[in-house]
């Protein structure tokens, strides 16, 4: 069973971007999913999860994929204290050894559907976490779903029937996945009804921040 993670919206966005980059690199090298999975030593299903930016695969699995695609050096800049970015004007400006070496602005295109699904994914991960902490909330979600089913709206009927099974058997993976079907399920979901207002407010603020651009600093003490 998938255990929802404590990732922030920014972290989820970065994972999605990493997975997308790995997929594009694989395709640019002309590697099929079968060939890539064989190189990495994982199943095609796990490879699909990695390329979807799913947090379920281990860091080791991501590292194997990164290594197989020849971009391990990028990760080494973060992981190895012996390696660091050097800016050309550091000495000239007399910058402090504790000053940021670089700044990166991470943002998401607000005109694309990806940021909206990222928001929906974050809301649902929090909703599942709330239900796990307070099982009584599950009944609240089921009541909302039953009300929708009774209304008889045929456009979302198949999704709601699927949600009925998800709620009854706690099949959270189906709704928290990165597949197209999971996206459709989140669009017709009763789960957000159980979210506390402060949690919803926090996630929506994270979405706004990401649209405007979040500044990350690459910082470190200069080595002597």
C-alpha atoms as a PDB file:
ATOM      1  CA  UNK A   1       0.000   0.000   0.000  1.00  0.00           C
ATOM      2  CA  UNK A   2       1.243   3.453  -0.869  1.00  0.00           C
ATOM      3  CA  UNK A   3       2.085   5.544   2.183  1.00  0.00           C
ATOM      4  CA  UNK A   4       1.535   9.248   1.441  1.00  0.00           C
ATOM      5  CA  UNK A   5       4.700  11.259   1.836  1.00  0.00           C
ATOM      6  CA  UNK A   6       5.286  14.523   3.648  1.00  0.00           C
ATOM      7  CA  UNK A   7       6.493  16.261   0.511  1.00  0.00           C
ATOM      8  CA  UNK A   8       5.785  19.934   0.012  1.00  0.00           C
ATOM      9  CA  UNK A   9       4.307  21.057  -3.283  1.00  0.00           C
ATOM     10  CA  UNK A  10       7.735  22.365  -4.325  1.00  0.00           C
ATOM     11  CA  UNK A  11       9.333  18.986  -3.657  1.00  0.00           C
ATOM     12  CA  UNK A  12       6.615  17.193  -5.611  1.00  0.00           C
ATOM     13  CA  UNK A  13       7.150  19.601  -8.498  1.00  0.00           C
ATOM     14  CA  UNK A  14      10.901  18.950  -8.504  1.00  0.00           C
ATOM     15  CA  UNK A  15      10.339  15.186  -8.497  1.00  0.00           C
ATOM     16  CA  UNK A  16       7.972  15.500 -11.452  1.00  0.00           C
ATOM     17  CA  UNK A  17      10.540  17.623 -13.298  1.00  0.00           C
ATOM     18  CA  UNK A  18      13.296  15.102 -12.546  1.00  0.00           C
ATOM     19  CA  UNK A  19      11.197  12.209 -13.775  1.00  0.00           C
ATOM     20  CA  UNK A  20      10.311  14.099 -16.943  1.00  0.00           C
ATOM     21  CA  UNK A  21      13.984  14.905 -17.575  1.00  0.00           C
ATOM     22  CA  UNK A  22      14.976  11.254 -17.151  1.00  0.00           C
ATOM     23  CA  UNK A  23      12.269  10.196 -19.585  1.00  0.00           C
ATOM     24  CA  UNK A  24      13.325  12.773 -22.184  1.00  0.00           C
ATOM     25  CA  UNK A  25      16.984  11.756 -21.852  1.00  0.00           C
ATOM     26  CA  UNK A  26      16.107   8.094 -22.297  1.00  0.00           C
ATOM     27  CA  UNK A  27      14.088   8.887 -25.409  1.00  0.00           C
ATOM     28  CA  UNK A  28      16.859  11.094 -26.819  1.00  0.00           C
ATOM     29  CA  UNK A  29      19.265   8.146 -26.489  1.00  0.00           C
ATOM     30  CA  UNK A  30      16.812   5.939 -28.356  1.00  0.00           C
ATOM     31  CA  UNK A  31      16.339   3.589 -25.411  1.00  0.00           C
ATOM     32  CA  UNK A  32      13.083   1.717 -24.987  1.00  0.00           C
ATOM     33  CA  UNK A  33      11.591   1.244 -21.540  1.00  0.00           C
ATOM     34  CA  UNK A  34      12.604  -2.431 -21.722  1.00  0.00           C
ATOM     35  CA  UNK A  35      16.238  -1.547 -22.478  1.00  0.00           C
ATOM     36  CA  UNK A  36      16.370   1.166 -19.829  1.00  0.00           C
ATOM     37  CA  UNK A  37      14.799  -1.021 -17.156  1.00  0.00           C
ATOM     38  CA  UNK A  38      17.319  -3.740 -17.974  1.00  0.00           C
ATOM     39  CA  UNK A  39      20.242  -1.314 -17.671  1.00  0.00           C
ATOM     40  CA  UNK A  40      19.048  -0.035 -14.324  1.00  0.00           C
ATOM     41  CA  UNK A  41      18.058  -3.477 -13.048  1.00  0.00           C
ATOM     42  CA  UNK A  42      14.450  -2.623 -12.248  1.00  0.00           C
ATOM     43  CA  UNK A  43      11.035  -3.553 -13.607  1.00  0.00           C
ATOM     44  CA  UNK A  44       9.295  -1.509 -16.280  1.00  0.00           C
ATOM     45  CA  UNK A  45       6.660  -0.605 -13.708  1.00  0.00           C
ATOM     46  CA  UNK A  46       9.292   0.871 -11.413  1.00  0.00           C
ATOM     47  CA  UNK A  47      10.841   2.727 -14.339  1.00  0.00           C
ATOM     48  CA  UNK A  48       7.441   4.213 -15.176  1.00  0.00           C
ATOM     49  CA  UNK A  49       7.149   5.368 -11.555  1.00  0.00           C
ATOM     50  CA  UNK A  50      10.609   6.994 -11.713  1.00  0.00           C
ATOM     51  CA  UNK A  51       9.843   8.769 -14.977  1.00  0.00           C
ATOM     52  CA  UNK A  52       6.548   9.971 -13.504  1.00  0.00           C
ATOM     53  CA  UNK A  53       8.368  11.533 -10.544  1.00  0.00           C
ATOM     54  CA  UNK A  54       6.673   9.182  -8.096  1.00  0.00           C
ATOM     55  CA  UNK A  55       8.200   9.429  -4.592  1.00  0.00           C
ATOM     56  CA  UNK A  56       7.598   5.714  -3.970  1.00  0.00           C
ATOM     57  CA  UNK A  57      10.838   4.403  -5.594  1.00  0.00           C
ATOM     58  CA  UNK A  58      13.895   4.640  -3.352  1.00  0.00           C
ATOM     59  CA  UNK A  59      16.645   7.223  -3.738  1.00  0.00           C
ATOM     60  CA  UNK A  60      18.905   4.347  -4.777  1.00  0.00           C
ATOM     61  CA  UNK A  61      16.590   3.537  -7.671  1.00  0.00           C
ATOM     62  CA  UNK A  62      16.623   7.153  -8.839  1.00  0.00           C
ATOM     63  CA  UNK A  63      20.431   7.185  -8.575  1.00  0.00           C
ATOM     64  CA  UNK A  64      20.696   4.059 -10.724  1.00  0.00           C
ATOM     65  CA  UNK A  65      18.579   5.721 -13.410  1.00  0.00           C
ATOM     66  CA  UNK A  66      20.587   8.945 -13.164  1.00  0.00           C
ATOM     67  CA  UNK A  67      23.841   6.997 -13.473  1.00  0.00           C
ATOM     68  CA  UNK A  68      22.593   4.936 -16.421  1.00  0.00           C
ATOM     69  CA  UNK A  69      21.800   8.157 -18.295  1.00  0.00           C
ATOM     70  CA  UNK A  70      25.227   9.691 -17.626  1.00  0.00           C
ATOM     71  CA  UNK A  71      24.188  12.616 -15.434  1.00  0.00           C
ATOM     72  CA  UNK A  72      25.569  11.386 -12.132  1.00  0.00           C
ATOM     73  CA  UNK A  73      27.985  14.329 -12.099  1.00  0.00           C
ATOM     74  CA  UNK A  74      25.053  16.704 -11.663  1.00  0.00           C
ATOM     75  CA  UNK A  75      24.041  14.894  -8.498  1.00  0.00           C
ATOM     76  CA  UNK A  76      27.655  14.779  -7.259  1.00  0.00           C
ATOM     77  CA  UNK A  77      27.691  18.576  -7.021  1.00  0.00           C
ATOM     78  CA  UNK A  78      25.048  18.300  -4.328  1.00  0.00           C
ATOM     79  CA  UNK A  79      26.212  15.143  -2.574  1.00  0.00           C
ATOM     80  CA  UNK A  80      30.012  15.470  -2.449  1.00  0.00           C
ATOM     81  CA  UNK A  81      31.613  18.063  -0.162  1.00  0.00           C
ATOM     82  CA  UNK A  82      34.780  17.923  -2.263  1.00  0.00           C
ATOM     83  CA  UNK A  83      32.930  19.346  -5.238  1.00  0.00           C
ATOM     84  CA  UNK A  84      31.448  22.833  -5.316  1.00  0.00           C
ATOM     85  CA  UNK A  85      30.368  25.467  -7.748  1.00  0.00           C
ATOM     86  CA  UNK A  86      32.848  28.285  -8.247  1.00  0.00           C
ATOM     87  CA  UNK A  87      31.666  31.683  -9.413  1.00  0.00           C
ATOM     88  CA  UNK A  88      34.035  33.841 -11.425  1.00  0.00           C
ATOM     89  CA  UNK A  89      33.587  36.969  -9.315  1.00  0.00           C
ATOM     90  CA  UNK A  90      33.809  35.467  -5.815  1.00  0.00           C
ATOM     91  CA  UNK A  91      37.382  36.564  -5.179  1.00  0.00           C
ATOM     92  CA  UNK A  92      36.907  39.950  -6.768  1.00  0.00           C
ATOM     93  CA  UNK A  93      33.876  40.812  -4.672  1.00  0.00           C
ATOM     94  CA  UNK A  94      35.347  39.519  -1.428  1.00  0.00           C
ATOM     95  CA  UNK A  95      32.170  37.577  -0.737  1.00  0.00           C
ATOM     96  CA  UNK A  96      31.844  35.776   2.586  1.00  0.00           C
ATOM     97  CA  UNK A  97      32.622  32.070   2.534  1.00  0.00           C
ATOM     98  CA  UNK A  98      29.131  31.507   3.915  1.00  0.00           C
ATOM     99  CA  UNK A  99      27.437  33.488   1.128  1.00  0.00           C
ATOM    100  CA  UNK A 100      25.244  31.618  -1.363  1.00  0.00           C
ATOM    101  CA  UNK A 101      27.250  30.376  -4.351  1.00  0.00           C
ATOM    102  CA  UNK A 102      24.229  30.598  -6.618  1.00  0.00           C
ATOM    103  CA  UNK A 103      20.496  31.134  -6.631  1.00  0.00           C
ATOM    104  CA  UNK A 104      17.967  29.117  -8.582  1.00  0.00           C
ATOM    105  CA  UNK A 105      14.412  30.176  -9.275  1.00  0.00           C
ATOM    106  CA  UNK A 106      12.006  27.254  -9.488  1.00  0.00           C
ATOM    107  CA  UNK A 107       8.652  28.008 -11.044  1.00  0.00           C
ATOM    108  CA  UNK A 108       5.777  26.257 -12.755  1.00  0.00           C
ATOM    109  CA  UNK A 109       3.967  27.456 -15.847  1.00  0.00           C
ATOM    110  CA  UNK A 110       0.523  28.556 -14.590  1.00  0.00           C
ATOM    111  CA  UNK A 111      -0.987  28.149 -18.078  1.00  0.00           C
ATOM    112  CA  UNK A 112      -0.418  24.385 -18.135  1.00  0.00           C
ATOM    113  CA  UNK A 113      -2.489  21.625 -16.562  1.00  0.00           C
ATOM    114  CA  UNK A 114       0.534  20.213 -14.733  1.00  0.00           C
ATOM    115  CA  UNK A 115       0.471  22.782 -11.938  1.00  0.00           C
ATOM    116  CA  UNK A 116      -3.240  22.161 -11.398  1.00  0.00           C
ATOM    117  CA  UNK A 117      -2.715  18.417 -11.140  1.00  0.00           C
ATOM    118  CA  UNK A 118       0.238  19.013  -8.830  1.00  0.00           C
ATOM    119  CA  UNK A 119      -2.088  21.015  -6.589  1.00  0.00           C
ATOM    120  CA  UNK A 120      -4.689  18.245  -6.724  1.00  0.00           C
ATOM    121  CA  UNK A 121      -2.069  15.608  -5.923  1.00  0.00           C
ATOM    122  CA  UNK A 122      -0.833  17.556  -2.891  1.00  0.00           C
ATOM    123  CA  UNK A 123      -4.399  18.070  -1.641  1.00  0.00           C
ATOM    124  CA  UNK A 124      -5.142  14.361  -1.952  1.00  0.00           C
ATOM    125  CA  UNK A 125      -1.961  13.261  -0.217  1.00  0.00           C
ATOM    126  CA  UNK A 126      -2.901  15.485   2.705  1.00  0.00           C
ATOM    127  CA  UNK A 127      -6.493  14.199   2.622  1.00  0.00           C
ATOM    128  CA  UNK A 128      -5.320  10.592   2.797  1.00  0.00           C
ATOM    129  CA  UNK A 129      -3.019  11.484   5.668  1.00  0.00           C
ATOM    130  CA  UNK A 130      -5.945  13.078   7.508  1.00  0.00           C
ATOM    131  CA  UNK A 131      -8.095   9.976   6.991  1.00  0.00           C
ATOM    132  CA  UNK A 132      -5.320   7.742   8.281  1.00  0.00           C
ATOM    133  CA  UNK A 133      -5.055   9.909  11.396  1.00  0.00           C
ATOM    134  CA  UNK A 134      -8.822  10.155  11.905  1.00  0.00           C
ATOM    135  CA  UNK A 135     -10.768   7.239  10.342  1.00  0.00           C
ATOM    136  CA  UNK A 136     -14.054   9.038  11.075  1.00  0.00           C
ATOM    137  CA  UNK A 137     -13.213  11.374   8.196  1.00  0.00           C
ATOM    138  CA  UNK A 138     -13.543   8.442   5.813  1.00  0.00           C
ATOM    139  CA  UNK A 139     -17.253   8.317   6.577  1.00  0.00           C
ATOM    140  CA  UNK A 140     -17.479  12.009   5.736  1.00  0.00           C
ATOM    141  CA  UNK A 141     -15.925  11.382   2.312  1.00  0.00           C
ATOM    142  CA  UNK A 142     -18.222   8.398   1.750  1.00  0.00           C
ATOM    143  CA  UNK A 143     -21.269  10.497   2.627  1.00  0.00           C
ATOM    144  CA  UNK A 144     -20.254  13.159   0.110  1.00  0.00           C
ATOM    145  CA  UNK A 145     -19.702  10.496  -2.534  1.00  0.00           C
ATOM    146  CA  UNK A 146     -23.060   8.856  -1.886  1.00  0.00           C
ATOM    147  CA  UNK A 147     -24.792  12.212  -2.229  1.00  0.00           C
ATOM    148  CA  UNK A 148     -23.172  12.645  -5.641  1.00  0.00           C
ATOM    149  CA  UNK A 149     -24.140   9.128  -6.705  1.00  0.00           C
ATOM    150  CA  UNK A 150     -27.746   9.749  -5.663  1.00  0.00           C
ATOM    151  CA  UNK A 151     -27.811  12.884  -7.807  1.00  0.00           C
ATOM    152  CA  UNK A 152     -27.375  10.654 -10.845  1.00  0.00           C
ATOM    153  CA  UNK A 153     -24.883  12.746 -12.836  1.00  0.00           C
ATOM    154  CA  UNK A 154     -23.844  10.306 -15.575  1.00  0.00           C
ATOM    155  CA  UNK A 155     -20.748  12.263 -16.641  1.00  0.00           C
ATOM    156  CA  UNK A 156     -18.760  11.245 -13.571  1.00  0.00           C
ATOM    157  CA  UNK A 157     -20.685   8.115 -12.584  1.00  0.00           C
ATOM    158  CA  UNK A 158     -17.952   5.628 -13.540  1.00  0.00           C
ATOM    159  CA  UNK A 159     -15.342   7.605 -11.617  1.00  0.00           C
ATOM    160  CA  UNK A 160     -17.571   7.821  -8.539  1.00  0.00           C
ATOM    161  CA  UNK A 161     -18.228   4.086  -8.612  1.00  0.00           C
ATOM    162  CA  UNK A 162     -14.470   3.586  -8.710  1.00  0.00           C
ATOM    163  CA  UNK A 163     -14.090   5.990  -5.804  1.00  0.00           C
ATOM    164  CA  UNK A 164     -16.626   3.946  -3.825  1.00  0.00           C
ATOM    165  CA  UNK A 165     -14.319   0.938  -4.140  1.00  0.00           C
ATOM    166  CA  UNK A 166     -11.235   3.042  -3.319  1.00  0.00           C
ATOM    167  CA  UNK A 167     -12.779   4.345  -0.108  1.00  0.00           C
ATOM    168  CA  UNK A 168     -14.179   1.012   0.964  1.00  0.00           C
ATOM    169  CA  UNK A 169     -10.909  -0.875   0.489  1.00  0.00           C
ATOM    170  CA  UNK A 170      -8.446   1.996   1.112  1.00  0.00           C
ATOM    171  CA  UNK A 171      -6.931   1.691  -2.374  1.00  0.00           C
ATOM    172  CA  UNK A 172      -5.145   5.028  -2.119  1.00  0.00           C
ATOM    173  CA  UNK A 173      -2.525   4.142  -4.715  1.00  0.00           C
ATOM    174  CA  UNK A 174      -5.136   4.357  -7.470  1.00  0.00           C
ATOM    175  CA  UNK A 175      -5.837   8.014  -6.639  1.00  0.00           C
ATOM    176  CA  UNK A 176      -2.305   9.088  -5.710  1.00  0.00           C
ATOM    177  CA  UNK A 177      -0.618   7.710  -8.803  1.00  0.00           C
ATOM    178  CA  UNK A 178       0.824   9.623 -11.745  1.00  0.00           C
ATOM    179  CA  UNK A 179      -1.310   7.897 -14.372  1.00  0.00           C
ATOM    180  CA  UNK A 180      -3.934   9.572 -16.522  1.00  0.00           C
ATOM    181  CA  UNK A 181      -6.648   7.566 -14.746  1.00  0.00           C
ATOM    182  CA  UNK A 182      -5.413   8.783 -11.363  1.00  0.00           C
ATOM    183  CA  UNK A 183      -5.643  12.355 -12.643  1.00  0.00           C
ATOM    184  CA  UNK A 184      -9.229  11.753 -13.739  1.00  0.00           C
ATOM    185  CA  UNK A 185     -10.073  10.277 -10.342  1.00  0.00           C
ATOM    186  CA  UNK A 186      -8.668  13.307  -8.539  1.00  0.00           C
ATOM    187  CA  UNK A 187     -10.829  15.564 -10.682  1.00  0.00           C
ATOM    188  CA  UNK A 188     -13.965  13.756  -9.472  1.00  0.00           C
ATOM    189  CA  UNK A 189     -12.915  13.164  -5.892  1.00  0.00           C
ATOM    190  CA  UNK A 190     -14.789  13.519  -2.578  1.00  0.00           C
ATOM    191  CA  UNK A 191     -11.535  13.455  -0.600  1.00  0.00           C
ATOM    192  CA  UNK A 192     -10.815  17.179  -0.479  1.00  0.00           C
ATOM    193  CA  UNK A 193     -14.005  17.634   1.561  1.00  0.00           C
ATOM    194  CA  UNK A 194     -12.185  16.208   4.599  1.00  0.00           C
ATOM    195  CA  UNK A 195      -9.311  18.689   4.510  1.00  0.00           C
ATOM    196  CA  UNK A 196      -9.018  21.220   7.364  1.00  0.00           C
ATOM    197  CA  UNK A 197      -9.176  24.829   6.076  1.00  0.00           C
ATOM    198  CA  UNK A 198      -5.638  25.619   7.259  1.00  0.00           C
ATOM    199  CA  UNK A 199      -4.183  22.666   5.328  1.00  0.00           C
ATOM    200  CA  UNK A 200      -6.023  23.649   2.164  1.00  0.00           C
ATOM    201  CA  UNK A 201      -4.887  27.259   2.616  1.00  0.00           C
ATOM    202  CA  UNK A 202      -1.241  26.203   3.019  1.00  0.00           C
ATOM    203  CA  UNK A 203      -1.238  24.117  -0.151  1.00  0.00           C
ATOM    204  CA  UNK A 204      -2.946  26.809  -2.202  1.00  0.00           C
ATOM    205  CA  UNK A 205      -0.343  29.301  -0.967  1.00  0.00           C
ATOM    206  CA  UNK A 206       2.432  26.921  -2.037  1.00  0.00           C
ATOM    207  CA  UNK A 207       0.840  26.783  -5.483  1.00  0.00           C
ATOM    208  CA  UNK A 208       0.796  30.576  -5.710  1.00  0.00           C
ATOM    209  CA  UNK A 209       4.427  30.727  -4.589  1.00  0.00           C
ATOM    210  CA  UNK A 210       5.445  28.190  -7.211  1.00  0.00           C
ATOM    211  CA  UNK A 211       3.655  30.109  -9.955  1.00  0.00           C
ATOM    212  CA  UNK A 212       5.526  33.269  -8.971  1.00  0.00           C
ATOM    213  CA  UNK A 213       8.849  31.476  -8.555  1.00  0.00           C
ATOM    214  CA  UNK A 214      10.536  30.025  -5.467  1.00  0.00           C
ATOM    215  CA  UNK A 215      14.152  31.048  -4.900  1.00  0.00           C
ATOM    216  CA  UNK A 216      16.496  28.275  -3.779  1.00  0.00           C
ATOM    217  CA  UNK A 217      20.041  29.022  -2.704  1.00  0.00           C
ATOM    218  CA  UNK A 218      23.024  26.786  -3.392  1.00  0.00           C
ATOM    219  CA  UNK A 219      25.015  27.645  -0.295  1.00  0.00           C
ATOM    220  CA  UNK A 220      28.114  26.329   1.355  1.00  0.00           C
ATOM    221  CA  UNK A 221      31.240  27.221   3.258  1.00  0.00           C
ATOM    222  CA  UNK A 222      34.292  27.528   1.052  1.00  0.00           C
ATOM    223  CA  UNK A 223      36.838  24.762   1.637  1.00  0.00           C
ATOM    224  CA  UNK A 224      40.354  25.722   2.689  1.00  0.00           C
END
